[in-house]
PDB file of N, CA and C in Angstrom:
ATOM      1  N   MET A   1      15.053  -8.264  10.910  1.00  0.00           N
ATOM      2  CA  MET A   1      14.647  -7.209  11.508  1.00  0.00           C
ATOM      3  C   MET A   1      14.458  -6.056  10.378  1.00  0.00           C
ATOM      4  N   GLU A   2      14.772  -6.146   9.232  1.00  0.00           N
ATOM      5  CA  GLU A   2      14.719  -5.400   8.106  1.00  0.00           C
ATOM      6  C   GLU A   2      13.158  -5.557   7.729  1.00  0.00           C
ATOM      7  N   PHE A   3      12.611  -6.939   7.771  1.00  0.00           N
ATOM      8  CA  PHE A   3      11.221  -7.016   7.355  1.00  0.00           C
ATOM      9  C   PHE A   3      10.248  -6.126   8.183  1.00  0.00           C
ATOM     10  N   LYS A   4      10.452  -6.336   9.567  1.00  0.00           N
ATOM     11  CA  LYS A   4       9.632  -5.596  10.618  1.00  0.00           C
ATOM     12  C   LYS A   4       9.737  -4.009  10.410  1.00  0.00           C
ATOM     13  N   THR A   5      11.020  -3.547  10.142  1.00  0.00           N
ATOM     14  CA  THR A   5      11.090  -2.075  10.005  1.00  0.00           C
ATOM     15  C   THR A   5      10.368  -1.699   8.660  1.00  0.00           C
ATOM     16  N   THR A   6      10.496  -2.493   7.404  1.00  0.00           N
ATOM     17  CA  THR A   6       9.940  -2.116   6.367  1.00  0.00           C
ATOM     18  C   THR A   6       8.233  -2.179   6.582  1.00  0.00           C
ATOM     19  N   LYS A   7       7.872  -3.292   7.312  1.00  0.00           N
ATOM     20  CA  LYS A   7       6.309  -3.208   7.522  1.00  0.00           C
ATOM     21  C   LYS A   7       5.912  -2.235   8.325  1.00  0.00           C
ATOM     22  N   ARG A   8       6.518  -1.785   9.303  1.00  0.00           N
ATOM     23  CA  ARG A   8       6.028  -0.771  10.162  1.00  0.00           C
ATOM     24  C   ARG A   8       6.124   0.722   9.434  1.00  0.00           C
ATOM     25  N   ASP A   9       7.066   0.872   8.519  1.00  0.00           N
ATOM     26  CA  ASP A   9       7.254   1.961   7.757  1.00  0.00           C
ATOM     27  C   ASP A   9       6.137   2.142   6.878  1.00  0.00           C
ATOM     28  N   LEU A  10       5.857   1.013   6.176  1.00  0.00           N
ATOM     29  CA  LEU A  10       4.682   0.832   5.165  1.00  0.00           C
ATOM     30  C   LEU A  10       3.381   1.032   5.757  1.00  0.00           C
ATOM     31  N   GLN A  11       3.069   0.493   6.995  1.00  0.00           N
ATOM     32  CA  GLN A  11       1.974   0.926   7.921  1.00  0.00           C
ATOM     33  C   GLN A  11       1.829   2.238   8.048  1.00  0.00           C
ATOM     34  N   GLU A  12       2.812   3.034   8.436  1.00  0.00           N
ATOM     35  CA  GLU A  12       2.775   4.494   8.835  1.00  0.00           C
ATOM     36  C   GLU A  12       2.405   5.253   7.464  1.00  0.00           C
ATOM     37  N   VAL A  13       2.932   5.038   6.368  1.00  0.00           N
ATOM     38  CA  VAL A  13       2.764   5.661   5.125  1.00  0.00           C
ATOM     39  C   VAL A  13       1.354   5.275   4.769  1.00  0.00           C
ATOM     40  N   PHE A  14       0.896   4.129   4.709  1.00  0.00           N
ATOM     41  CA  PHE A  14      -0.401   3.742   4.319  1.00  0.00           C
ATOM     42  C   PHE A  14      -1.511   4.495   5.107  1.00  0.00           C
ATOM     43  N   ALA A  15      -1.201   4.610   6.369  1.00  0.00           N
ATOM     44  CA  ALA A  15      -2.233   5.185   7.177  1.00  0.00           C
ATOM     45  C   ALA A  15      -2.337   6.668   6.957  1.00  0.00           C
ATOM     46  N   SER A  16      -1.026   7.335   6.656  1.00  0.00           N
ATOM     47  CA  SER A  16      -1.154   8.680   6.103  1.00  0.00           C
ATOM     48  C   SER A  16      -1.957   9.028   4.904  1.00  0.00           C
ATOM     49  N   ILE A  17      -1.848   7.995   4.062  1.00  0.00           N
ATOM     50  CA  ILE A  17      -2.553   8.037   2.638  1.00  0.00           C
ATOM     51  C   ILE A  17      -4.051   7.942   2.882  1.00  0.00           C
ATOM     52  N   GLN A  18      -4.217   6.982   3.884  1.00  0.00           N
ATOM     53  CA  GLN A  18      -5.706   6.699   4.024  1.00  0.00           C
ATOM     54  C   GLN A  18      -6.516   7.885   4.662  1.00  0.00           C
ATOM     55  N   SER A  19      -5.633   8.641   5.589  1.00  0.00           N
ATOM     56  CA  SER A  19      -6.405   9.553   6.348  1.00  0.00           C
ATOM     57  C   SER A  19      -6.548  10.751   5.236  1.00  0.00           C
ATOM     58  N   GLN A  20      -5.641  11.036   4.164  1.00  0.00           N
ATOM     59  CA  GLN A  20      -5.863  11.988   3.046  1.00  0.00           C
ATOM     60  C   GLN A  20      -6.960  11.757   2.287  1.00  0.00           C
ATOM     61  N   VAL A  21      -7.139  10.317   1.993  1.00  0.00           N
ATOM     62  CA  VAL A  21      -8.411   9.883   1.258  1.00  0.00           C
ATOM     63  C   VAL A  21      -9.665  10.175   1.937  1.00  0.00           C
ATOM     64  N   GLU A  22      -9.693   9.784   3.172  1.00  0.00           N
ATOM     65  CA  GLU A  22     -10.834   9.996   4.152  1.00  0.00           C
ATOM     66  C   GLU A  22     -11.491  11.382   4.011  1.00  0.00           C
ATOM     67  N   GLU A  23     -10.560  12.185   3.879  1.00  0.00           N
ATOM     68  CA  GLU A  23     -11.041  13.721   3.698  1.00  0.00           C
ATOM     69  C   GLU A  23     -11.252  14.003   2.450  1.00  0.00           C
ATOM     70  N   ALA A  24     -11.359  13.080   1.620  1.00  0.00           N
ATOM     71  CA  ALA A  24     -11.445  13.355  -0.121  1.00  0.00           C
ATOM     72  C   ALA A  24     -10.597  14.124  -0.793  1.00  0.00           C
ATOM     73  N   ASN A  25      -9.426  14.072  -0.267  1.00  0.00           N
ATOM     74  CA  ASN A  25      -8.246  14.717  -0.784  1.00  0.00           C
ATOM     75  C   ASN A  25      -7.348  13.638  -1.757  1.00  0.00           C
ATOM     76  N   LEU A  26      -6.793  14.333  -2.763  1.00  0.00           N
ATOM     77  CA  LEU A  26      -5.778  13.387  -3.307  1.00  0.00           C
ATOM     78  C   LEU A  26      -4.497  13.131  -2.849  1.00  0.00           C
ATOM     79  N   PRO A  27      -4.145  12.055  -2.643  1.00  0.00           N
ATOM     80  CA  PRO A  27      -2.930  11.718  -1.647  1.00  0.00           C
ATOM     81  C   PRO A  27      -1.709  12.439  -2.125  1.00  0.00           C
ATOM     82  N   ASP A  28      -0.731  12.810  -1.443  1.00  0.00           N
ATOM     83  CA  ASP A  28       0.359  13.313  -1.829  1.00  0.00           C
ATOM     84  C   ASP A  28       1.307  12.624  -2.622  1.00  0.00           C
ATOM     85  N   GLU A  29       1.740  13.032  -3.730  1.00  0.00           N
ATOM     86  CA  GLU A  29       2.609  12.006  -4.754  1.00  0.00           C
ATOM     87  C   GLU A  29       3.650  11.598  -4.116  1.00  0.00           C
ATOM     88  N   ALA A  30       4.365  12.241  -3.158  1.00  0.00           N
ATOM     89  CA  ALA A  30       5.686  11.824  -2.652  1.00  0.00           C
ATOM     90  C   ALA A  30       5.360  10.622  -1.725  1.00  0.00           C
ATOM     91  N   THR A  31       4.286  10.906  -0.929  1.00  0.00           N
ATOM     92  CA  THR A  31       4.026   9.926   0.085  1.00  0.00           C
ATOM     93  C   THR A  31       3.699   8.621  -0.673  1.00  0.00           C
ATOM     94  N   VAL A  32       2.872   8.939  -1.858  1.00  0.00           N
ATOM     95  CA  VAL A  32       2.610   7.324  -2.482  1.00  0.00           C
ATOM     96  C   VAL A  32       3.706   6.762  -3.139  1.00  0.00           C
ATOM     97  N   ASN A  33       4.659   7.640  -3.579  1.00  0.00           N
ATOM     98  CA  ASN A  33       5.933   6.889  -4.172  1.00  0.00           C
ATOM     99  C   ASN A  33       6.537   6.462  -3.017  1.00  0.00           C
ATOM    100  N   ARG A  34       6.548   6.746  -1.963  1.00  0.00           N
ATOM    101  CA  ARG A  34       7.274   6.124  -0.661  1.00  0.00           C
ATOM    102  C   ARG A  34       6.326   4.759  -0.315  1.00  0.00           C
ATOM    103  N   LEU A  35       5.213   4.860  -0.646  1.00  0.00           N
ATOM    104  CA  LEU A  35       4.297   3.445  -0.470  1.00  0.00           C
ATOM    105  C   LEU A  35       4.665   2.591  -1.652  1.00  0.00           C
ATOM    106  N   VAL A  36       4.938   2.956  -2.600  1.00  0.00           N
ATOM    107  CA  VAL A  36       5.142   1.990  -3.830  1.00  0.00           C
ATOM    108  C   VAL A  36       6.600   1.442  -3.464  1.00  0.00           C
ATOM    109  N   ARG A  37       7.696   2.402  -3.145  1.00  0.00           N
ATOM    110  CA  ARG A  37       8.908   1.771  -2.854  1.00  0.00           C
ATOM    111  C   ARG A  37       8.860   0.902  -1.631  1.00  0.00           C
ATOM    112  N   LEU A  38       8.059   1.028  -0.561  1.00  0.00           N
ATOM    113  CA  LEU A  38       8.138   0.154   0.473  1.00  0.00           C
ATOM    114  C   LEU A  38       7.431  -1.153   0.249  1.00  0.00           C
ATOM    115  N   ALA A  39       6.275  -1.000  -0.681  1.00  0.00           N
ATOM    116  CA  ALA A  39       5.574  -2.286  -0.934  1.00  0.00           C
ATOM    117  C   ALA A  39       6.417  -3.222  -1.839  1.00  0.00           C
ATOM    118  N   ARG A  40       7.183  -2.494  -2.789  1.00  0.00           N
ATOM    119  CA  ARG A  40       8.242  -3.231  -3.450  1.00  0.00           C
ATOM    120  C   ARG A  40       9.441  -4.176  -2.636  1.00  0.00           C
ATOM    121  N   LYS A  41       9.673  -3.253  -1.591  1.00  0.00           N
ATOM    122  CA  LYS A  41      10.738  -3.885  -0.829  1.00  0.00           C
ATOM    123  C   LYS A  41      10.132  -5.144   0.042  1.00  0.00           C
ATOM    124  N   LEU A  42       8.918  -4.794   0.478  1.00  0.00           N
ATOM    125  CA  LEU A  42       8.236  -5.901   1.135  1.00  0.00           C
ATOM    126  C   LEU A  42       8.003  -7.103   0.335  1.00  0.00           C
ATOM    127  N   HIS A  43       7.804  -6.869  -0.773  1.00  0.00           N
ATOM    128  CA  HIS A  43       7.540  -8.010  -1.695  1.00  0.00           C
ATOM    129  C   HIS A  43       8.721  -8.900  -2.009  1.00  0.00           C
ATOM    130  N   GLN A  44       9.978  -7.961  -2.239  1.00  0.00           N
ATOM    131  CA  GLN A  44      11.171  -8.712  -2.064  1.00  0.00           C
ATOM    132  C   GLN A  44      11.718  -9.547  -0.892  1.00  0.00           C
ATOM    133  N   LEU A  45      11.073  -9.094   0.205  1.00  0.00           N
ATOM    134  CA  LEU A  45      11.373  -9.691   1.506  1.00  0.00           C
ATOM    135  C   LEU A  45      10.268 -10.778   1.703  1.00  0.00           C
ATOM    136  N   ALA A  46       9.281 -11.035   1.186  1.00  0.00           N
ATOM    137  CA  ALA A  46       8.205 -11.891   1.241  1.00  0.00           C
ATOM    138  C   ALA A  46       8.692 -13.250   1.336  1.00  0.00           C
ATOM    139  N   GLU A  47       8.096 -13.939   2.401  1.00  0.00           N
ATOM    140  CA  GLU A  47       8.370 -15.297   2.293  1.00  0.00           C
ATOM    141  C   GLU A  47       7.276 -16.053   1.157  1.00  0.00           C
ATOM    142  N   ASP A  48       7.638 -17.299   0.879  1.00  0.00           N
ATOM    143  CA  ASP A  48       6.795 -18.071  -0.304  1.00  0.00           C
ATOM    144  C   ASP A  48       5.390 -18.086   0.013  1.00  0.00           C
ATOM    145  N   ALA A  49       5.099 -18.249   1.379  1.00  0.00           N
ATOM    146  CA  ALA A  49       3.663 -18.436   1.785  1.00  0.00           C
ATOM    147  C   ALA A  49       2.762 -17.331   1.450  1.00  0.00           C
ATOM    148  N   TRP A  50       3.278 -16.044   1.494  1.00  0.00           N
ATOM    149  CA  TRP A  50       2.344 -14.767   1.167  1.00  0.00           C
ATOM    150  C   TRP A  50       2.906 -13.937   0.220  1.00  0.00           C
ATOM    151  N   VAL A  51       3.923 -14.267  -0.725  1.00  0.00           N
ATOM    152  CA  VAL A  51       4.473 -13.660  -1.865  1.00  0.00           C
ATOM    153  C   VAL A  51       3.524 -13.145  -2.634  1.00  0.00           C
ATOM    154  N   ASP A  52       2.542 -13.968  -2.949  1.00  0.00           N
ATOM    155  CA  ASP A  52       1.396 -13.617  -3.946  1.00  0.00           C
ATOM    156  C   ASP A  52       0.718 -12.259  -3.339  1.00  0.00           C
ATOM    157  N   GLU A  53       0.414 -12.374  -2.078  1.00  0.00           N
ATOM    158  CA  GLU A  53      -0.378 -11.177  -1.508  1.00  0.00           C
ATOM    159  C   GLU A  53       0.529  -9.854  -1.442  1.00  0.00           C
ATOM    160  N   ALA A  54       1.908 -10.094  -1.116  1.00  0.00           N
ATOM    161  CA  ALA A  54       2.715  -8.964  -1.358  1.00  0.00           C
ATOM    162  C   ALA A  54       2.767  -8.335  -2.690  1.00  0.00           C
ATOM    163  N   GLU A  55       2.936  -9.035  -3.608  1.00  0.00           N
ATOM    164  CA  GLU A  55       2.881  -8.804  -4.966  1.00  0.00           C
ATOM    165  C   GLU A  55       1.398  -8.000  -5.421  1.00  0.00           C
ATOM    166  N   ASP A  56       0.234  -8.525  -4.801  1.00  0.00           N
ATOM    167  CA  ASP A  56      -0.904  -7.862  -5.275  1.00  0.00           C
ATOM    168  C   ASP A  56      -0.780  -6.367  -4.520  1.00  0.00           C
ATOM    169  N   PHE A  57      -0.362  -6.426  -3.354  1.00  0.00           N
ATOM    170  CA  PHE A  57      -0.266  -5.054  -2.602  1.00  0.00           C
ATOM    171  C   PHE A  57       0.620  -4.066  -3.375  1.00  0.00           C
ATOM    172  N   SER A  58       1.832  -4.637  -3.734  1.00  0.00           N
ATOM    173  CA  SER A  58       2.519  -3.690  -4.514  1.00  0.00           C
ATOM    174  C   SER A  58       1.943  -3.134  -5.827  1.00  0.00           C
ATOM    175  N   HIS A  59       1.469  -4.254  -6.520  1.00  0.00           N
ATOM    176  CA  HIS A  59       0.677  -3.768  -7.743  1.00  0.00           C
ATOM    177  C   HIS A  59      -0.306  -2.658  -7.489  1.00  0.00           C
ATOM    178  N   LEU A  60      -1.115  -2.844  -6.498  1.00  0.00           N
ATOM    179  CA  LEU A  60      -2.261  -1.937  -6.255  1.00  0.00           C
ATOM    180  C   LEU A  60      -1.586  -0.611  -5.984  1.00  0.00           C
ATOM    181  N   SER A  61      -0.432  -0.648  -5.288  1.00  0.00           N
ATOM    182  CA  SER A  61       0.137   0.554  -4.730  1.00  0.00           C
ATOM    183  C   SER A  61       0.542   1.332  -6.049  1.00  0.00           C
ATOM    184  N   GLY A  62       1.186   0.805  -7.122  1.00  0.00           N
ATOM    185  CA  GLY A  62       1.638   1.217  -8.477  1.00  0.00           C
ATOM    186  C   GLY A  62       0.342   1.722  -9.042  1.00  0.00           C
ATOM    187  N   GLN A  63      -0.724   1.206  -9.022  1.00  0.00           N
ATOM    188  CA  GLN A  63      -1.981   1.883  -9.595  1.00  0.00           C
ATOM    189  C   GLN A  63      -2.286   3.233  -8.855  1.00  0.00           C
ATOM    190  N   LEU A  64      -2.219   3.133  -7.495  1.00  0.00           N
ATOM    191  CA  LEU A  64      -2.493   4.239  -6.958  1.00  0.00           C
ATOM    192  C   LEU A  64      -1.629   5.325  -7.284  1.00  0.00           C
ATOM    193  N   LEU A  65      -0.407   5.146  -7.562  1.00  0.00           N
ATOM    194  CA  LEU A  65       0.375   6.246  -8.034  1.00  0.00           C
ATOM    195  C   LEU A  65       0.087   6.708  -9.198  1.00  0.00           C
ATOM    196  N   ASN A  66      -0.275   5.722 -10.179  1.00  0.00           N
ATOM    197  CA  ASN A  66      -0.837   6.292 -11.575  1.00  0.00           C
ATOM    198  C   ASN A  66      -2.109   7.227 -11.401  1.00  0.00           C
ATOM    199  N   ALA A  67      -3.034   6.742 -10.346  1.00  0.00           N
ATOM    200  CA  ALA A  67      -4.178   7.573 -10.382  1.00  0.00           C
ATOM    201  C   ALA A  67      -3.809   8.952  -9.644  1.00  0.00           C
ATOM    202  N   VAL A  68      -2.962   8.998  -8.701  1.00  0.00           N
ATOM    203  CA  VAL A  68      -2.481  10.237  -8.393  1.00  0.00           C
ATOM    204  C   VAL A  68      -2.059  11.259  -9.380  1.00  0.00           C
ATOM    205  N   LYS A  69      -1.126  10.613 -10.180  1.00  0.00           N
ATOM    206  CA  LYS A  69      -0.521  11.367 -11.253  1.00  0.00           C
ATOM    207  C   LYS A  69      -1.417  11.921 -12.152  1.00  0.00           C
ATOM    208  N   LYS A  70      -2.588  11.110 -12.309  1.00  0.00           N
ATOM    209  CA  LYS A  70      -3.898  11.556 -13.217  1.00  0.00           C
ATOM    210  C   LYS A  70      -4.854  12.580 -12.437  1.00  0.00           C
ATOM    211  N   GLY A  71      -4.842  12.687 -11.143  1.00  0.00           N
ATOM    212  CA  GLY A  71      -5.544  13.611 -10.548  1.00  0.00           C
ATOM    213  C   GLY A  71      -6.861  12.987 -10.138  1.00  0.00           C
ATOM    214  N   ASP A  72      -6.991  11.654 -10.278  1.00  0.00           N
ATOM    215  CA  ASP A  72      -8.085  10.937 -10.252  1.00  0.00           C
ATOM    216  C   ASP A  72      -8.550  10.456  -8.719  1.00  0.00           C
ATOM    217  N   VAL A  73      -9.225  11.438  -8.121  1.00  0.00           N
ATOM    218  CA  VAL A  73      -9.537  11.332  -6.548  1.00  0.00           C
ATOM    219  C   VAL A  73     -10.668  10.024  -6.503  1.00  0.00           C
ATOM    220  N   GLU A  74     -11.360   9.805  -7.377  1.00  0.00           N
ATOM    221  CA  GLU A  74     -12.261   8.599  -7.273  1.00  0.00           C
ATOM    222  C   GLU A  74     -11.523   7.415  -7.399  1.00  0.00           C
ATOM    223  N   GLY A  75     -10.656   7.184  -8.229  1.00  0.00           N
ATOM    224  CA  GLY A  75      -9.956   6.128  -8.493  1.00  0.00           C
ATOM    225  C   GLY A  75      -8.878   5.919  -7.245  1.00  0.00           C
ATOM    226  N   CYS A  76      -8.489   6.996  -6.668  1.00  0.00           N
ATOM    227  CA  CYS A  76      -7.553   6.821  -5.352  1.00  0.00           C
ATOM    228  C   CYS A  76      -8.412   6.314  -4.266  1.00  0.00           C
ATOM    229  N   VAL A  77      -9.715   6.749  -4.264  1.00  0.00           N
ATOM    230  CA  VAL A  77     -10.558   6.206  -3.066  1.00  0.00           C
ATOM    231  C   VAL A  77     -10.507   4.751  -3.215  1.00  0.00           C
ATOM    232  N   MET A  78     -11.086   4.350  -4.385  1.00  0.00           N
ATOM    233  CA  MET A  78     -11.348   2.870  -4.668  1.00  0.00           C
ATOM    234  C   MET A  78     -10.072   2.279  -4.570  1.00  0.00           C
ATOM    235  N   LEU A  79      -8.774   2.592  -4.818  1.00  0.00           N
ATOM    236  CA  LEU A  79      -7.647   1.693  -4.865  1.00  0.00           C
ATOM    237  C   LEU A  79      -6.981   1.671  -3.322  1.00  0.00           C
ATOM    238  N   VAL A  80      -7.413   2.719  -2.479  1.00  0.00           N
ATOM    239  CA  VAL A  80      -7.066   2.814  -1.074  1.00  0.00           C
ATOM    240  C   VAL A  80      -7.759   1.796  -0.419  1.00  0.00           C
ATOM    241  N   GLU A  81      -9.340   1.775  -0.885  1.00  0.00           N
ATOM    242  CA  GLU A  81     -10.012   0.734  -0.183  1.00  0.00           C
ATOM    243  C   GLU A  81      -9.578  -0.729  -0.583  1.00  0.00           C
ATOM    244  N   SER A  82      -9.162  -0.744  -1.777  1.00  0.00           N
ATOM    245  CA  SER A  82      -8.637  -2.269  -2.244  1.00  0.00           C
ATOM    246  C   SER A  82      -7.346  -2.725  -1.640  1.00  0.00           C
ATOM    247  N   LEU A  83      -6.428  -1.686  -1.326  1.00  0.00           N
ATOM    248  CA  LEU A  83      -5.305  -1.880  -0.559  1.00  0.00           C
ATOM    249  C   LEU A  83      -5.608  -2.064   0.887  1.00  0.00           C
ATOM    250  N   ASP A  84      -6.384  -1.668   1.494  1.00  0.00           N
ATOM    251  CA  ASP A  84      -6.833  -1.791   2.730  1.00  0.00           C
ATOM    252  C   ASP A  84      -7.420  -3.158   2.797  1.00  0.00           C
ATOM    253  N   ALA A  85      -8.404  -3.622   1.982  1.00  0.00           N
ATOM    254  CA  ALA A  85      -8.765  -4.944   1.990  1.00  0.00           C
ATOM    255  C   ALA A  85      -7.628  -5.951   1.751  1.00  0.00           C
ATOM    256  N   ALA A  86      -7.003  -5.675   1.017  1.00  0.00           N
ATOM    257  CA  ALA A  86      -5.579  -6.677   0.452  1.00  0.00           C
ATOM    258  C   ALA A  86      -4.718  -6.783   2.001  1.00  0.00           C
ATOM    259  N   GLN A  87      -4.498  -5.501   2.449  1.00  0.00           N
ATOM    260  CA  GLN A  87      -3.799  -5.804   3.786  1.00  0.00           C
ATOM    261  C   GLN A  87      -4.551  -6.570   5.118  1.00  0.00           C
ATOM    262  N   THR A  88      -5.651  -6.141   5.029  1.00  0.00           N
ATOM    263  CA  THR A  88      -6.608  -6.995   6.045  1.00  0.00           C
ATOM    264  C   THR A  88      -6.439  -8.420   5.868  1.00  0.00           C
ATOM    265  N   PHE A  89      -6.788  -8.631   4.402  1.00  0.00           N
ATOM    266  CA  PHE A  89      -6.719 -10.340   4.313  1.00  0.00           C
ATOM    267  C   PHE A  89      -5.318 -10.884   4.518  1.00  0.00           C
ATOM    268  N   CYS A  90      -4.341 -10.131   4.124  1.00  0.00           N
ATOM    269  CA  CYS A  90      -3.188 -10.693   4.390  1.00  0.00           C
ATOM    270  C   CYS A  90      -2.657 -10.843   5.930  1.00  0.00           C
ATOM    271  N   HIS A  91      -3.161  -9.813   6.766  1.00  0.00           N
ATOM    272  CA  HIS A  91      -2.698  -9.942   8.133  1.00  0.00           C
ATOM    273  C   HIS A  91      -3.628 -10.930   8.708  1.00  0.00           C
ATOM    274  N   ARG A  92      -4.810 -11.199   8.385  1.00  0.00           N
ATOM    275  CA  ARG A  92      -5.754 -12.067   8.842  1.00  0.00           C
ATOM    276  C   ARG A  92      -5.443 -13.437   8.458  1.00  0.00           C
ATOM    277  N   THR A  93      -4.662 -13.794   7.305  1.00  0.00           N
ATOM    278  CA  THR A  93      -4.397 -14.877   6.790  1.00  0.00           C
ATOM    279  C   THR A  93      -3.013 -15.469   7.390  1.00  0.00           C
ATOM    280  N   PHE A  94      -2.107 -14.588   7.213  1.00  0.00           N
ATOM    281  CA  PHE A  94      -0.582 -14.883   7.544  1.00  0.00           C
ATOM    282  C   PHE A  94      -0.288 -14.027   8.721  1.00  0.00           C
ATOM    283  N   ARG A  95      -0.004 -14.630   9.907  1.00  0.00           N
ATOM    284  CA  ARG A  95       0.580 -13.862  11.059  1.00  0.00           C
ATOM    285  C   ARG A  95       2.135 -14.059  11.196  1.00  0.00           C
ATOM    286  N   GLU A  96       2.740 -13.119  11.507  1.00  0.00           N
ATOM    287  CA  GLU A  96       3.979 -13.082  11.637  1.00  0.00           C
ATOM    288  C   GLU A  96       4.621 -14.242  12.642  1.00  0.00           C
TER     289      GLU A  96
END
């Protein structure tokens, strides 16, 4: 149950960040902080089969937070695209 709740919350937060970036805005730091916390939690809950993908997503989330703190909008856009690709790959490869 904790996994599904964490995954749902993570997807909602990520969707919010994606919408901010699509409008060429710097994502809100508090929202990105929440993404990082949820990504780390998901990594802790990950099964062996997809733990590497969860770790990648968590790492990219941390890089996104650093880009937000530096005010790097272009970097944020690229990292959100990378996060989206990582999420898509994981969902396509590993189904619940």
